[in-house]
Amino acid sequence: MRVALWRVLLAPRTTLRAVRLQRTSRPPFDSDFDSAWRQARMHHAPDEIEYLLRHCARTEDR
């Protein structure tokens, strides 16, 4: 819940895009909110992709 709250407060447009993307995705490509948020963020701010890739690499190591 904390991450979602930070996302809403710091990037409300990206959060709305992610919710819209999550709702419109169809099986078998149903995405969770985190994946939808990352995808929406990559489209909106492509210069931040290196930070998203680092975050994905850290979560895979866990």
PDB file of N, CA and C in Angstrom:
ATOM      1  N   MET A   1       0.823  -1.201   0.000  1.00  0.00           N
ATOM      2  CA  MET A   1       0.000   0.000   0.000  1.00  0.00           C
ATOM      3  C   MET A   1       0.857   1.251   0.000  1.00  0.00           C
ATOM      4  N   ARG A   2       2.000   1.202   0.646  1.00  0.00           N
ATOM      5  CA  ARG A   2       2.835   2.398   0.715  1.00  0.00           C
ATOM      6  C   ARG A   2       3.340   2.807  -0.659  1.00  0.00           C
ATOM      7  N   VAL A   3       3.764   1.832  -1.464  1.00  0.00           N
ATOM      8  CA  VAL A   3       4.282   2.152  -2.793  1.00  0.00           C
ATOM      9  C   VAL A   3       3.169   2.736  -3.659  1.00  0.00           C
ATOM     10  N   ALA A   4       1.994   2.154  -3.582  1.00  0.00           N
ATOM     11  CA  ALA A   4       0.868   2.669  -4.370  1.00  0.00           C
ATOM     12  C   ALA A   4       0.521   4.091  -3.960  1.00  0.00           C
ATOM     13  N   LEU A   5       0.556   4.375  -2.672  1.00  0.00           N
ATOM     14  CA  LEU A   5       0.257   5.731  -2.208  1.00  0.00           C
ATOM     15  C   LEU A   5       1.292   6.724  -2.707  1.00  0.00           C
ATOM     16  N   TRP A   6       2.574   6.369  -2.652  1.00  0.00           N
ATOM     17  CA  TRP A   6       3.626   7.249  -3.177  1.00  0.00           C
ATOM     18  C   TRP A   6       3.434   7.485  -4.665  1.00  0.00           C
ATOM     19  N   ARG A   7       3.070   6.437  -5.388  1.00  0.00           N
ATOM     20  CA  ARG A   7       2.871   6.590  -6.831  1.00  0.00           C
ATOM     21  C   ARG A   7       1.727   7.542  -7.135  1.00  0.00           C
ATOM     22  N   VAL A   8       0.651   7.431  -6.385  1.00  0.00           N
ATOM     23  CA  VAL A   8      -0.498   8.319  -6.597  1.00  0.00           C
ATOM     24  C   VAL A   8      -0.117   9.763  -6.292  1.00  0.00           C
ATOM     25  N   LEU A   9       0.617   9.970  -5.217  1.00  0.00           N
ATOM     26  CA  LEU A   9       0.975  11.332  -4.823  1.00  0.00           C
ATOM     27  C   LEU A   9       2.019  11.957  -5.740  1.00  0.00           C
ATOM     28  N   LEU A  10       3.016  11.183  -6.147  1.00  0.00           N
ATOM     29  CA  LEU A  10       4.120  11.746  -6.918  1.00  0.00           C
ATOM     30  C   LEU A  10       3.897  11.723  -8.428  1.00  0.00           C
ATOM     31  N   ALA A  11       3.110  10.776  -8.907  1.00  0.00           N
ATOM     32  CA  ALA A  11       2.887  10.673 -10.348  1.00  0.00           C
ATOM     33  C   ALA A  11       1.422  10.307 -10.621  1.00  0.00           C
ATOM     34  N   PRO A  12       0.503  11.226 -10.381  1.00  0.00           N
ATOM     35  CA  PRO A  12      -0.914  10.892 -10.541  1.00  0.00           C
ATOM     36  C   PRO A  12      -1.310  10.561 -11.984  1.00  0.00           C
ATOM     37  N   ARG A  13      -0.725  11.236 -12.949  1.00  0.00           N
ATOM     38  CA  ARG A  13      -1.069  10.937 -14.350  1.00  0.00           C
ATOM     39  C   ARG A  13      -0.602   9.551 -14.751  1.00  0.00           C
ATOM     40  N   THR A  14       0.589   9.187 -14.330  1.00  0.00           N
ATOM     41  CA  THR A  14       1.100   7.854 -14.628  1.00  0.00           C
ATOM     42  C   THR A  14       0.230   6.804 -13.962  1.00  0.00           C
ATOM     43  N   THR A  15      -0.218   7.076 -12.749  1.00  0.00           N
ATOM     44  CA  THR A  15      -1.074   6.130 -12.034  1.00  0.00           C
ATOM     45  C   THR A  15      -2.392   5.953 -12.773  1.00  0.00           C
ATOM     46  N   LEU A  16      -2.984   7.041 -13.247  1.00  0.00           N
ATOM     47  CA  LEU A  16      -4.235   6.931 -14.001  1.00  0.00           C
ATOM     48  C   LEU A  16      -4.036   6.167 -15.309  1.00  0.00           C
ATOM     49  N   ARG A  17      -2.923   6.421 -15.981  1.00  0.00           N
ATOM     50  CA  ARG A  17      -2.626   5.673 -17.204  1.00  0.00           C
ATOM     51  C   ARG A  17      -2.453   4.182 -16.910  1.00  0.00           C
ATOM     52  N   ALA A  18      -1.813   3.880 -15.785  1.00  0.00           N
ATOM     53  CA  ALA A  18      -1.598   2.481 -15.408  1.00  0.00           C
ATOM     54  C   ALA A  18      -2.920   1.790 -15.097  1.00  0.00           C
ATOM     55  N   VAL A  19      -3.800   2.470 -14.396  1.00  0.00           N
ATOM     56  CA  VAL A  19      -5.111   1.885 -14.090  1.00  0.00           C
ATOM     57  C   VAL A  19      -5.878   1.636 -15.381  1.00  0.00           C
ATOM     58  N   ARG A  20      -5.842   2.591 -16.295  1.00  0.00           N
ATOM     59  CA  ARG A  20      -6.522   2.435 -17.577  1.00  0.00           C
ATOM     60  C   ARG A  20      -5.915   1.279 -18.371  1.00  0.00           C
ATOM     61  N   LEU A  21      -4.601   1.188 -18.378  1.00  0.00           N
ATOM     62  CA  LEU A  21      -3.917   0.112 -19.087  1.00  0.00           C
ATOM     63  C   LEU A  21      -4.250  -1.247 -18.477  1.00  0.00           C
ATOM     64  N   GLN A  22      -4.294  -1.309 -17.167  1.00  0.00           N
ATOM     65  CA  GLN A  22      -4.615  -2.565 -16.487  1.00  0.00           C
ATOM     66  C   GLN A  22      -6.045  -2.995 -16.793  1.00  0.00           C
ATOM     67  N   ARG A  23      -6.960  -2.061 -16.844  1.00  0.00           N
ATOM     68  CA  ARG A  23      -8.362  -2.395 -17.114  1.00  0.00           C
ATOM     69  C   ARG A  23      -8.595  -2.818 -18.557  1.00  0.00           C
ATOM     70  N   THR A  24      -7.834  -2.251 -19.476  1.00  0.00           N
ATOM     71  CA  THR A  24      -8.059  -2.564 -20.883  1.00  0.00           C
ATOM     72  C   THR A  24      -7.278  -3.771 -21.371  1.00  0.00           C
ATOM     73  N   SER A  25      -6.331  -4.255 -20.571  1.00  0.00           N
ATOM     74  CA  SER A  25      -5.565  -5.421 -21.011  1.00  0.00           C
ATOM     75  C   SER A  25      -6.443  -6.666 -20.943  1.00  0.00           C
ATOM     76  N   ARG A  26      -6.224  -7.550 -21.886  1.00  0.00           N
ATOM     77  CA  ARG A  26      -7.051  -8.750 -21.997  1.00  0.00           C
ATOM     78  C   ARG A  26      -6.192  -9.987 -21.785  1.00  0.00           C
ATOM     79  N   PRO A  27      -6.819 -11.075 -21.379  1.00  0.00           N
ATOM     80  CA  PRO A  27      -6.067 -12.333 -21.215  1.00  0.00           C
ATOM     81  C   PRO A  27      -5.451 -12.751 -22.528  1.00  0.00           C
ATOM     82  N   PRO A  28      -4.329 -13.340 -22.599  1.00  0.00           N
ATOM     83  CA  PRO A  28      -3.435 -13.770 -21.534  1.00  0.00           C
ATOM     84  C   PRO A  28      -2.450 -12.691 -21.112  1.00  0.00           C
ATOM     85  N   PHE A  29      -2.679 -11.451 -21.503  1.00  0.00           N
ATOM     86  CA  PHE A  29      -1.751 -10.369 -21.183  1.00  0.00           C
ATOM     87  C   PHE A  29      -2.226  -9.525 -20.012  1.00  0.00           C
ATOM     88  N   ASP A  30      -3.038 -10.101 -19.145  1.00  0.00           N
ATOM     89  CA  ASP A  30      -3.453  -9.369 -17.949  1.00  0.00           C
ATOM     90  C   ASP A  30      -2.217  -9.006 -17.147  1.00  0.00           C
ATOM     91  N   SER A  31      -2.116  -7.771 -16.805  1.00  0.00           N
ATOM     92  CA  SER A  31      -0.941  -7.346 -16.036  1.00  0.00           C
ATOM     93  C   SER A  31      -1.378  -6.879 -14.662  1.00  0.00           C
ATOM     94  N   ASP A  32      -0.508  -7.052 -13.706  1.00  0.00           N
ATOM     95  CA  ASP A  32      -0.782  -6.509 -12.388  1.00  0.00           C
ATOM     96  C   ASP A  32      -0.516  -5.010 -12.425  1.00  0.00           C
ATOM     97  N   PHE A  33      -0.857  -4.344 -11.339  1.00  0.00           N
ATOM     98  CA  PHE A  33      -0.736  -2.888 -11.318  1.00  0.00           C
ATOM     99  C   PHE A  33       0.709  -2.438 -11.437  1.00  0.00           C
ATOM    100  N   ASP A  34       1.640  -3.150 -10.793  1.00  0.00           N
ATOM    101  CA  ASP A  34       3.048  -2.754 -10.862  1.00  0.00           C
ATOM    102  C   ASP A  34       3.571  -2.792 -12.294  1.00  0.00           C
ATOM    103  N   SER A  35       3.253  -3.846 -13.015  1.00  0.00           N
ATOM    104  CA  SER A  35       3.703  -3.950 -14.407  1.00  0.00           C
ATOM    105  C   SER A  35       3.058  -2.878 -15.273  1.00  0.00           C
ATOM    106  N   ALA A  36       1.779  -2.645 -15.052  1.00  0.00           N
ATOM    107  CA  ALA A  36       1.087  -1.607 -15.816  1.00  0.00           C
ATOM    108  C   ALA A  36       1.659  -0.231 -15.513  1.00  0.00           C
ATOM    109  N   TRP A  37       2.004   0.006 -14.247  1.00  0.00           N
ATOM    110  CA  TRP A  37       2.569   1.299 -13.873  1.00  0.00           C
ATOM    111  C   TRP A  37       3.929   1.505 -14.524  1.00  0.00           C
ATOM    112  N   ARG A  38       4.764   0.466 -14.507  1.00  0.00           N
ATOM    113  CA  ARG A  38       6.088   0.576 -15.135  1.00  0.00           C
ATOM    114  C   ARG A  38       5.956   0.825 -16.632  1.00  0.00           C
ATOM    115  N   GLN A  39       5.034   0.134 -17.266  1.00  0.00           N
ATOM    116  CA  GLN A  39       4.848   0.315 -18.706  1.00  0.00           C
ATOM    117  C   GLN A  39       4.352   1.731 -19.014  1.00  0.00           C
ATOM    118  N   ALA A  40       3.402   2.216 -18.244  1.00  0.00           N
ATOM    119  CA  ALA A  40       2.900   3.577 -18.441  1.00  0.00           C
ATOM    120  C   ALA A  40       4.009   4.596 -18.201  1.00  0.00           C
ATOM    121  N   ARG A  41       4.842   4.339 -17.214  1.00  0.00           N
ATOM    122  CA  ARG A  41       5.936   5.266 -16.915  1.00  0.00           C
ATOM    123  C   ARG A  41       6.970   5.268 -18.031  1.00  0.00           C
ATOM    124  N   MET A  42       7.254   4.102 -18.588  1.00  0.00           N
ATOM    125  CA  MET A  42       8.223   4.045 -19.687  1.00  0.00           C
ATOM    126  C   MET A  42       7.731   4.821 -20.897  1.00  0.00           C
ATOM    127  N   HIS A  43       6.425   4.781 -21.154  1.00  0.00           N
ATOM    128  CA  HIS A  43       5.893   5.535 -22.292  1.00  0.00           C
ATOM    129  C   HIS A  43       5.873   7.029 -22.011  1.00  0.00           C
ATOM    130  N   HIS A  44       5.643   7.394 -20.762  1.00  0.00           N
ATOM    131  CA  HIS A  44       5.539   8.813 -20.416  1.00  0.00           C
ATOM    132  C   HIS A  44       6.905   9.452 -20.177  1.00  0.00           C
ATOM    133  N   ALA A  45       7.846   8.701 -19.583  1.00  0.00           N
ATOM    134  CA  ALA A  45       9.170   9.250 -19.266  1.00  0.00           C
ATOM    135  C   ALA A  45      10.247   8.245 -19.670  1.00  0.00           C
ATOM    136  N   PRO A  46      10.531   8.150 -20.958  1.00  0.00           N
ATOM    137  CA  PRO A  46      11.494   7.144 -21.412  1.00  0.00           C
ATOM    138  C   PRO A  46      12.914   7.362 -20.889  1.00  0.00           C
ATOM    139  N   ASP A  47      13.236   8.552 -20.426  1.00  0.00           N
ATOM    140  CA  ASP A  47      14.574   8.789 -19.888  1.00  0.00           C
ATOM    141  C   ASP A  47      14.784   8.118 -18.524  1.00  0.00           C
ATOM    142  N   GLU A  48      13.723   7.636 -17.917  1.00  0.00           N
ATOM    143  CA  GLU A  48      13.826   6.966 -16.624  1.00  0.00           C
ATOM    144  C   GLU A  48      13.937   5.447 -16.744  1.00  0.00           C
ATOM    145  N   ILE A  49      14.095   4.935 -17.931  1.00  0.00           N
ATOM    146  CA  ILE A  49      14.093   3.490 -18.129  1.00  0.00           C
ATOM    147  C   ILE A  49      15.226   2.801 -17.390  1.00  0.00           C
ATOM    148  N   GLU A  50      16.384   3.436 -17.273  1.00  0.00           N
ATOM    149  CA  GLU A  50      17.502   2.796 -16.570  1.00  0.00           C
ATOM    150  C   GLU A  50      17.183   2.581 -15.094  1.00  0.00           C
ATOM    151  N   TYR A  51      16.420   3.484 -14.474  1.00  0.00           N
ATOM    152  CA  TYR A  51      16.030   3.299 -13.076  1.00  0.00           C
ATOM    153  C   TYR A  51      15.031   2.156 -12.940  1.00  0.00           C
ATOM    154  N   LEU A  52      14.107   2.057 -13.892  1.00  0.00           N
ATOM    155  CA  LEU A  52      13.142   0.962 -13.857  1.00  0.00           C
ATOM    156  C   LEU A  52      13.824  -0.381 -14.070  1.00  0.00           C
ATOM    157  N   LEU A  53      14.799  -0.420 -14.956  1.00  0.00           N
ATOM    158  CA  LEU A  53      15.508  -1.674 -15.185  1.00  0.00           C
ATOM    159  C   LEU A  53      16.306  -2.088 -13.949  1.00  0.00           C
ATOM    160  N   ARG A  54      16.903  -1.143 -13.264  1.00  0.00           N
ATOM    161  CA  ARG A  54      17.627  -1.468 -12.023  1.00  0.00           C
ATOM    162  C   ARG A  54      16.676  -2.023 -10.968  1.00  0.00           C
ATOM    163  N   HIS A  55      15.501  -1.405 -10.874  1.00  0.00           N
ATOM    164  CA  HIS A  55      14.506  -1.865  -9.898  1.00  0.00           C
ATOM    165  C   HIS A  55      14.051  -3.285 -10.233  1.00  0.00           C
ATOM    166  N   CYS A  56      13.831  -3.559 -11.494  1.00  0.00           N
ATOM    167  CA  CYS A  56      13.419  -4.909 -11.921  1.00  0.00           C
ATOM    168  C   CYS A  56      14.517  -5.917 -11.625  1.00  0.00           C
ATOM    169  N   ALA A  57      15.749  -5.548 -11.821  1.00  0.00           N
ATOM    170  CA  ALA A  57      16.860  -6.462 -11.542  1.00  0.00           C
ATOM    171  C   ALA A  57      16.958  -6.748 -10.047  1.00  0.00           C
ATOM    172  N   ARG A  58      16.726  -5.748  -9.223  1.00  0.00           N
ATOM    173  CA  ARG A  58      16.759  -5.952  -7.761  1.00  0.00           C
ATOM    174  C   ARG A  58      15.633  -6.849  -7.292  1.00  0.00           C
ATOM    175  N   THR A  59      14.439  -6.713  -7.863  1.00  0.00           N
ATOM    176  CA  THR A  59      13.320  -7.544  -7.440  1.00  0.00           C
ATOM    177  C   THR A  59      13.466  -8.969  -7.896  1.00  0.00           C
ATOM    178  N   GLU A  60      14.185  -9.213  -9.003  1.00  0.00           N
ATOM    179  CA  GLU A  60      14.423 -10.578  -9.462  1.00  0.00           C
ATOM    180  C   GLU A  60      15.424 -11.292  -8.571  1.00  0.00           C
ATOM    181  N   ASP A  61      16.358 -10.533  -7.980  1.00  0.00           N
ATOM    182  CA  ASP A  61      17.367 -11.134  -7.115  1.00  0.00           C
ATOM    183  C   ASP A  61      16.781 -11.624  -5.793  1.00  0.00           C
ATOM    184  N   ARG A  62      15.678 -11.063  -5.396  1.00  0.00           N
ATOM    185  CA  ARG A  62      15.086 -11.425  -4.097  1.00  0.00           C
ATOM    186  C   ARG A  62      14.426 -12.748  -4.138  1.00  0.00           C
TER     187      ARG A  62
END
